[in-house]
C-alpha cells in the first residue's frame, strides 16, 4: 500500500466491525474457507452475514475517506 499508516488501520477497524456484528448476530460459518461461495450452504444466517460484511466495507471506506490526504 502506498499509504499504510492510513489504509491499514481503516481496514482493521472495518474488519473488527464486521467480526463484532457477526458475533452479535450469532452467525456460524461451518466452512473454514471458501469466501462468498460458501454463503448459501455454510452460513447460518446468510442475509445478516452479508449485511455485516457490507457494514464493515462502508466503515472501512468512510475511514479511508476521512484519513487520506486531499490531493492538491
PDB file of N, CA and C in Angstrom:
ATOM      1  N   UNK A   1       0.846  -1.180   0.000  1.00  0.00           N
ATOM      2  CA  UNK A   1       0.000   0.000   0.000  1.00  0.00           C
ATOM      3  C   UNK A   1       0.886   1.235   0.000  1.00  0.00           C
ATOM      4  N   UNK A   2       0.471   2.211  -0.732  1.00  0.00           N
ATOM      5  CA  UNK A   2       1.231   3.448  -0.822  1.00  0.00           C
ATOM      6  C   UNK A   2       1.104   4.285   0.444  1.00  0.00           C
ATOM      7  N   UNK A   3       0.070   4.062   1.216  1.00  0.00           N
ATOM      8  CA  UNK A   3      -0.188   4.860   2.418  1.00  0.00           C
ATOM      9  C   UNK A   3      -0.609   3.943   3.571  1.00  0.00           C
ATOM     10  N   UNK A   4       0.296   3.086   4.053  1.00  0.00           N
ATOM     11  CA  UNK A   4      -0.094   2.069   5.031  1.00  0.00           C
ATOM     12  C   UNK A   4      -0.547   2.621   6.375  1.00  0.00           C
ATOM     13  N   UNK A   5      -0.075   3.804   6.764  1.00  0.00           N
ATOM     14  CA  UNK A   5      -0.442   4.346   8.075  1.00  0.00           C
ATOM     15  C   UNK A   5      -1.884   4.837   8.127  1.00  0.00           C
ATOM     16  N   UNK A   6      -2.514   4.989   6.980  1.00  0.00           N
ATOM     17  CA  UNK A   6      -3.920   5.380   6.951  1.00  0.00           C
ATOM     18  C   UNK A   6      -4.821   4.231   6.486  1.00  0.00           C
ATOM     19  N   UNK A   7      -4.310   3.418   5.567  1.00  0.00           N
ATOM     20  CA  UNK A   7      -5.124   2.347   4.996  1.00  0.00           C
ATOM     21  C   UNK A   7      -5.254   1.159   5.951  1.00  0.00           C
ATOM     22  N   UNK A   8      -4.151   0.711   6.525  1.00  0.00           N
ATOM     23  CA  UNK A   8      -4.189  -0.487   7.370  1.00  0.00           C
ATOM     24  C   UNK A   8      -5.069  -0.307   8.606  1.00  0.00           C
ATOM     25  N   UNK A   9      -4.973   0.821   9.346  1.00  0.00           N
ATOM     26  CA  UNK A   9      -5.900   0.989  10.480  1.00  0.00           C
ATOM     27  C   UNK A   9      -7.367   1.026  10.053  1.00  0.00           C
ATOM     28  N   UNK A  10      -7.639   1.605   8.894  1.00  0.00           N
ATOM     29  CA  UNK A  10      -9.018   1.637   8.395  1.00  0.00           C
ATOM     30  C   UNK A  10      -9.529   0.229   8.122  1.00  0.00           C
ATOM     31  N   UNK A  11      -8.699  -0.601   7.521  1.00  0.00           N
ATOM     32  CA  UNK A  11      -9.078  -1.985   7.247  1.00  0.00           C
ATOM     33  C   UNK A  11      -9.269  -2.756   8.550  1.00  0.00           C
ATOM     34  N   UNK A  12      -8.408  -2.493   9.530  1.00  0.00           N
ATOM     35  CA  UNK A  12      -8.533  -3.178  10.821  1.00  0.00           C
ATOM     36  C   UNK A  12      -9.847  -2.830  11.515  1.00  0.00           C
ATOM     37  N   UNK A  13     -10.222  -1.554  11.496  1.00  0.00           N
ATOM     38  CA  UNK A  13     -11.472  -1.141  12.147  1.00  0.00           C
ATOM     39  C   UNK A  13     -12.673  -1.722  11.404  1.00  0.00           C
ATOM     40  N   UNK A  14     -12.669  -1.671  10.071  1.00  0.00           N
ATOM     41  CA  UNK A  14     -13.767  -2.249   9.302  1.00  0.00           C
ATOM     42  C   UNK A  14     -13.906  -3.742   9.535  1.00  0.00           C
ATOM     43  N   UNK A  15     -12.787  -4.441   9.625  1.00  0.00           N
ATOM     44  CA  UNK A  15     -12.816  -5.879   9.901  1.00  0.00           C
ATOM     45  C   UNK A  15     -13.331  -6.163  11.304  1.00  0.00           C
ATOM     46  N   UNK A  16     -12.937  -5.333  12.260  1.00  0.00           N
ATOM     47  CA  UNK A  16     -13.415  -5.506  13.634  1.00  0.00           C
ATOM     48  C   UNK A  16     -14.919  -5.293  13.723  1.00  0.00           C
ATOM     49  N   UNK A  17     -15.431  -4.313  13.000  1.00  0.00           N
ATOM     50  CA  UNK A  17     -16.878  -4.070  12.990  1.00  0.00           C
ATOM     51  C   UNK A  17     -17.601  -5.265  12.384  1.00  0.00           C
ATOM     52  N   UNK A  18     -17.082  -5.792  11.280  1.00  0.00           N
ATOM     53  CA  UNK A  18     -17.698  -6.966  10.658  1.00  0.00           C
ATOM     54  C   UNK A  18     -17.687  -8.158  11.604  1.00  0.00           C
ATOM     55  N   UNK A  19     -16.565  -8.405  12.246  1.00  0.00           N
ATOM     56  CA  UNK A  19     -16.470  -9.515  13.195  1.00  0.00           C
ATOM     57  C   UNK A  19     -17.398  -9.345  14.382  1.00  0.00           C
ATOM     58  N   UNK A  20     -17.474  -8.121  14.909  1.00  0.00           N
ATOM     59  CA  UNK A  20     -18.356  -7.864  16.049  1.00  0.00           C
ATOM     60  C   UNK A  20     -19.819  -8.062  15.674  1.00  0.00           C
ATOM     61  N   UNK A  21     -20.201  -7.592  14.495  1.00  0.00           N
ATOM     62  CA  UNK A  21     -21.592  -7.774  14.065  1.00  0.00           C
ATOM     63  C   UNK A  21     -21.919  -9.245  13.849  1.00  0.00           C
ATOM     64  N   UNK A  22     -21.000  -9.990  13.258  1.00  0.00           N
ATOM     65  CA  UNK A  22     -21.281 -11.412  13.035  1.00  0.00           C
ATOM     66  C   UNK A  22     -21.387 -12.163  14.358  1.00  0.00           C
ATOM     67  N   UNK A  23     -20.629 -11.748  15.365  1.00  0.00           N
ATOM     68  CA  UNK A  23     -20.769 -12.362  16.691  1.00  0.00           C
ATOM     69  C   UNK A  23     -22.075 -11.931  17.353  1.00  0.00           C
ATOM     70  N   UNK A  24     -22.423 -10.657  17.213  1.00  0.00           N
ATOM     71  CA  UNK A  24     -23.665 -10.138  17.788  1.00  0.00           C
ATOM     72  C   UNK A  24     -24.882 -10.855  17.205  1.00  0.00           C
ATOM     73  N   UNK A  25     -24.827 -11.158  15.914  1.00  0.00           N
ATOM     74  CA  UNK A  25     -25.932 -11.839  15.237  1.00  0.00           C
ATOM     75  C   UNK A  25     -25.871 -13.357  15.392  1.00  0.00           C
ATOM     76  N   UNK A  26     -24.883 -13.882  16.115  1.00  0.00           N
ATOM     77  CA  UNK A  26     -24.705 -15.327  16.330  1.00  0.00           C
ATOM     78  C   UNK A  26     -24.610 -16.083  15.007  1.00  0.00           C
ATOM     79  N   UNK A  27     -23.819 -15.564  14.094  1.00  0.00           N
ATOM     80  CA  UNK A  27     -23.647 -16.191  12.789  1.00  0.00           C
ATOM     81  C   UNK A  27     -22.594 -17.288  12.895  1.00  0.00           C
ATOM     82  N   UNK A  28     -22.929 -18.451  12.364  1.00  0.00           N
ATOM     83  CA  UNK A  28     -21.993 -19.576  12.334  1.00  0.00           C
ATOM     84  C   UNK A  28     -21.544 -19.811  10.903  1.00  0.00           C
ATOM     85  N   UNK A  29     -20.245 -19.957  10.726  1.00  0.00           N
ATOM     86  CA  UNK A  29     -19.678 -20.291   9.431  1.00  0.00           C
ATOM     87  C   UNK A  29     -19.097 -21.690   9.552  1.00  0.00           C
ATOM     88  N   UNK A  30     -19.741 -22.653   8.903  1.00  0.00           N
ATOM     89  CA  UNK A  30     -19.372 -24.056   9.068  1.00  0.00           C
ATOM     90  C   UNK A  30     -18.235 -24.498   8.156  1.00  0.00           C
ATOM     91  N   UNK A  31     -17.741 -23.607   7.306  1.00  0.00           N
ATOM     92  CA  UNK A  31     -16.591 -23.920   6.453  1.00  0.00           C
ATOM     93  C   UNK A  31     -15.474 -22.932   6.789  1.00  0.00           C
ATOM     94  N   UNK A  32     -14.266 -23.414   7.015  1.00  0.00           N
ATOM     95  CA  UNK A  32     -13.182 -22.502   7.383  1.00  0.00           C
ATOM     96  C   UNK A  32     -12.613 -21.714   6.203  1.00  0.00           C
ATOM     97  N   UNK A  33     -13.137 -21.939   5.024  1.00  0.00           N
ATOM     98  CA  UNK A  33     -12.635 -21.265   3.827  1.00  0.00           C
ATOM     99  C   UNK A  33     -13.742 -21.223   2.793  1.00  0.00           C
ATOM    100  N   UNK A  34     -13.512 -20.553   1.688  1.00  0.00           N
ATOM    101  CA  UNK A  34     -14.476 -20.573   0.601  1.00  0.00           C
ATOM    102  C   UNK A  34     -15.024 -19.207   0.227  1.00  0.00           C
ATOM    103  N   UNK A  35     -14.839 -18.217   1.098  1.00  0.00           N
ATOM    104  CA  UNK A  35     -15.283 -16.865   0.783  1.00  0.00           C
ATOM    105  C   UNK A  35     -16.774 -16.777   0.521  1.00  0.00           C
ATOM    106  N   UNK A  36     -17.130 -15.997  -0.475  1.00  0.00           N
ATOM    107  CA  UNK A  36     -18.550 -15.779  -0.766  1.00  0.00           C
ATOM    108  C   UNK A  36     -19.217 -17.006  -1.373  1.00  0.00           C
ATOM    109  N   UNK A  37     -18.438 -17.964  -1.839  1.00  0.00           N
ATOM    110  CA  UNK A  37     -19.012 -19.131  -2.498  1.00  0.00           C
ATOM    111  C   UNK A  37     -19.693 -20.088  -1.521  1.00  0.00           C
ATOM    112  N   UNK A  38     -19.356 -20.027  -0.241  1.00  0.00           N
ATOM    113  CA  UNK A  38     -19.971 -20.923   0.743  1.00  0.00           C
ATOM    114  C   UNK A  38     -21.132 -20.268   1.490  1.00  0.00           C
ATOM    115  N   UNK A  39     -21.433 -19.012   1.185  1.00  0.00           N
ATOM    116  CA  UNK A  39     -22.513 -18.318   1.904  1.00  0.00           C
ATOM    117  C   UNK A  39     -23.833 -19.080   1.829  1.00  0.00           C
ATOM    118  N   UNK A  40     -24.266 -19.557   0.665  1.00  0.00           N
ATOM    119  CA  UNK A  40     -25.579 -20.220   0.632  1.00  0.00           C
ATOM    120  C   UNK A  40     -25.635 -21.552   1.377  1.00  0.00           C
ATOM    121  N   UNK A  41     -24.498 -22.231   1.536  1.00  0.00           N
ATOM    122  CA  UNK A  41     -24.555 -23.583   2.103  1.00  0.00           C
ATOM    123  C   UNK A  41     -23.908 -23.722   3.475  1.00  0.00           C
ATOM    124  N   UNK A  42     -23.051 -22.771   3.880  1.00  0.00           N
ATOM    125  CA  UNK A  42     -22.296 -22.980   5.113  1.00  0.00           C
ATOM    126  C   UNK A  42     -22.448 -21.864   6.148  1.00  0.00           C
ATOM    127  N   UNK A  43     -23.335 -20.914   5.899  1.00  0.00           N
ATOM    128  CA  UNK A  43     -23.531 -19.807   6.838  1.00  0.00           C
ATOM    129  C   UNK A  43     -24.910 -19.946   7.462  1.00  0.00           C
ATOM    130  N   UNK A  44     -24.977 -19.763   8.791  1.00  0.00           N
ATOM    131  CA  UNK A  44     -26.244 -19.980   9.497  1.00  0.00           C
ATOM    132  C   UNK A  44     -27.294 -18.925   9.156  1.00  0.00           C
ATOM    133  N   UNK A  45     -26.896 -17.693   8.894  1.00  0.00           N
ATOM    134  CA  UNK A  45     -27.844 -16.643   8.517  1.00  0.00           C
ATOM    135  C   UNK A  45     -27.209 -15.800   7.411  1.00  0.00           C
ATOM    136  N   UNK A  46     -27.397 -16.209   6.159  1.00  0.00           N
ATOM    137  CA  UNK A  46     -26.696 -15.563   5.048  1.00  0.00           C
ATOM    138  C   UNK A  46     -26.976 -14.070   4.899  1.00  0.00           C
ATOM    139  N   UNK A  47     -28.217 -13.649   5.114  1.00  0.00           N
ATOM    140  CA  UNK A  47     -28.537 -12.232   4.920  1.00  0.00           C
ATOM    141  C   UNK A  47     -27.850 -11.346   5.954  1.00  0.00           C
ATOM    142  N   UNK A  48     -27.859 -11.764   7.213  1.00  0.00           N
ATOM    143  CA  UNK A  48     -27.169 -10.980   8.236  1.00  0.00           C
ATOM    144  C   UNK A  48     -25.657 -11.020   8.038  1.00  0.00           C
ATOM    145  N   UNK A  49     -25.148 -12.115   7.532  1.00  0.00           N
ATOM    146  CA  UNK A  49     -23.718 -12.234   7.245  1.00  0.00           C
ATOM    147  C   UNK A  49     -23.312 -11.239   6.159  1.00  0.00           C
ATOM    148  N   UNK A  50     -24.090 -11.177   5.100  1.00  0.00           N
ATOM    149  CA  UNK A  50     -23.826 -10.218   4.023  1.00  0.00           C
ATOM    150  C   UNK A  50     -23.977  -8.792   4.541  1.00  0.00           C
ATOM    151  N   UNK A  51     -24.977  -8.553   5.386  1.00  0.00           N
ATOM    152  CA  UNK A  51     -25.172  -7.230   5.978  1.00  0.00           C
ATOM    153  C   UNK A  51     -23.948  -6.820   6.799  1.00  0.00           C
ATOM    154  N   UNK A  52     -23.425  -7.729   7.606  1.00  0.00           N
ATOM    155  CA  UNK A  52     -22.244  -7.433   8.423  1.00  0.00           C
ATOM    156  C   UNK A  52     -21.045  -7.094   7.541  1.00  0.00           C
ATOM    157  N   UNK A  53     -20.873  -7.833   6.456  1.00  0.00           N
ATOM    158  CA  UNK A  53     -19.769  -7.557   5.531  1.00  0.00           C
ATOM    159  C   UNK A  53     -19.933  -6.182   4.894  1.00  0.00           C
ATOM    160  N   UNK A  54     -21.144  -5.858   4.467  1.00  0.00           N
ATOM    161  CA  UNK A  54     -21.389  -4.557   3.841  1.00  0.00           C
ATOM    162  C   UNK A  54     -21.155  -3.406   4.814  1.00  0.00           C
ATOM    163  N   UNK A  55     -21.591  -3.558   6.062  1.00  0.00           N
ATOM    164  CA  UNK A  55     -21.362  -2.510   7.060  1.00  0.00           C
ATOM    165  C   UNK A  55     -19.863  -2.321   7.289  1.00  0.00           C
ATOM    166  N   UNK A  56     -19.125  -3.412   7.375  1.00  0.00           N
ATOM    167  CA  UNK A  56     -17.675  -3.315   7.533  1.00  0.00           C
ATOM    168  C   UNK A  56     -17.010  -2.634   6.349  1.00  0.00           C
ATOM    169  N   UNK A  57     -17.502  -2.903   5.151  1.00  0.00           N
ATOM    170  CA  UNK A  57     -16.966  -2.243   3.961  1.00  0.00           C
ATOM    171  C   UNK A  57     -17.222  -0.743   3.999  1.00  0.00           C
ATOM    172  N   UNK A  58     -18.424  -0.351   4.412  1.00  0.00           N
ATOM    173  CA  UNK A  58     -18.762   1.070   4.492  1.00  0.00           C
ATOM    174  C   UNK A  58     -17.898   1.771   5.543  1.00  0.00           C
ATOM    175  N   UNK A  59     -17.714   1.132   6.690  1.00  0.00           N
ATOM    176  CA  UNK A  59     -16.871   1.711   7.742  1.00  0.00           C
ATOM    177  C   UNK A  59     -15.438   1.884   7.238  1.00  0.00           C
ATOM    178  N   UNK A  60     -14.916   0.881   6.554  1.00  0.00           N
ATOM    179  CA  UNK A  60     -13.560   0.968   6.006  1.00  0.00           C
ATOM    180  C   UNK A  60     -13.448   2.113   5.005  1.00  0.00           C
ATOM    181  N   UNK A  61     -14.389   2.196   4.081  1.00  0.00           N
ATOM    182  CA  UNK A  61     -14.355   3.251   3.065  1.00  0.00           C
ATOM    183  C   UNK A  61     -14.484   4.633   3.700  1.00  0.00           C
ATOM    184  N   UNK A  62     -15.351   4.763   4.694  1.00  0.00           N
ATOM    185  CA  UNK A  62     -15.547   6.044   5.370  1.00  0.00           C
ATOM    186  C   UNK A  62     -14.265   6.478   6.084  1.00  0.00           C
ATOM    187  N   UNK A  63     -13.626   5.544   6.780  1.00  0.00           N
ATOM    188  CA  UNK A  63     -12.386   5.881   7.484  1.00  0.00           C
ATOM    189  C   UNK A  63     -11.265   6.253   6.525  1.00  0.00           C
ATOM    190  N   UNK A  64     -11.150   5.526   5.430  1.00  0.00           N
ATOM    191  CA  UNK A  64     -10.121   5.862   4.443  1.00  0.00           C
ATOM    192  C   UNK A  64     -10.391   7.247   3.873  1.00  0.00           C
ATOM    193  N   UNK A  65     -11.659   7.545   3.605  1.00  0.00           N
ATOM    194  CA  UNK A  65     -12.015   8.871   3.104  1.00  0.00           C
ATOM    195  C   UNK A  65     -11.685   9.975   4.088  1.00  0.00           C
ATOM    196  N   UNK A  66     -11.848   9.707   5.376  1.00  0.00           N
ATOM    197  CA  UNK A  66     -11.525  10.712   6.389  1.00  0.00           C
ATOM    198  C   UNK A  66     -10.022  10.874   6.599  1.00  0.00           C
ATOM    199  N   UNK A  67      -9.290   9.780   6.547  1.00  0.00           N
ATOM    200  CA  UNK A  67      -7.874   9.819   6.896  1.00  0.00           C
ATOM    201  C   UNK A  67      -6.944  10.177   5.739  1.00  0.00           C
ATOM    202  N   UNK A  68      -7.353   9.887   4.518  1.00  0.00           N
ATOM    203  CA  UNK A  68      -6.469  10.147   3.382  1.00  0.00           C
ATOM    204  C   UNK A  68      -6.298  11.652   3.176  1.00  0.00           C
ATOM    205  N   UNK A  69      -5.101  12.031   2.762  1.00  0.00           N
ATOM    206  CA  UNK A  69      -4.826  13.434   2.474  1.00  0.00           C
ATOM    207  C   UNK A  69      -5.499  13.825   1.167  1.00  0.00           C
ATOM    208  N   UNK A  70      -5.939  15.059   1.103  1.00  0.00           N
ATOM    209  CA  UNK A  70      -6.535  15.562  -0.128  1.00  0.00           C
ATOM    210  C   UNK A  70      -5.429  15.782  -1.163  1.00  0.00           C
ATOM    211  N   UNK A  71      -5.722  15.443  -2.410  1.00  0.00           N
ATOM    212  CA  UNK A  71      -4.770  15.643  -3.496  1.00  0.00           C
ATOM    213  C   UNK A  71      -4.833  17.104  -3.912  1.00  0.00           C
ATOM    214  N   UNK A  72      -3.672  17.736  -3.962  1.00  0.00           N
ATOM    215  CA  UNK A  72      -3.678  19.163  -4.335  1.00  0.00           C
ATOM    216  C   UNK A  72      -3.109  19.384  -5.719  1.00  0.00           C
TER     217      UNK A  72
END
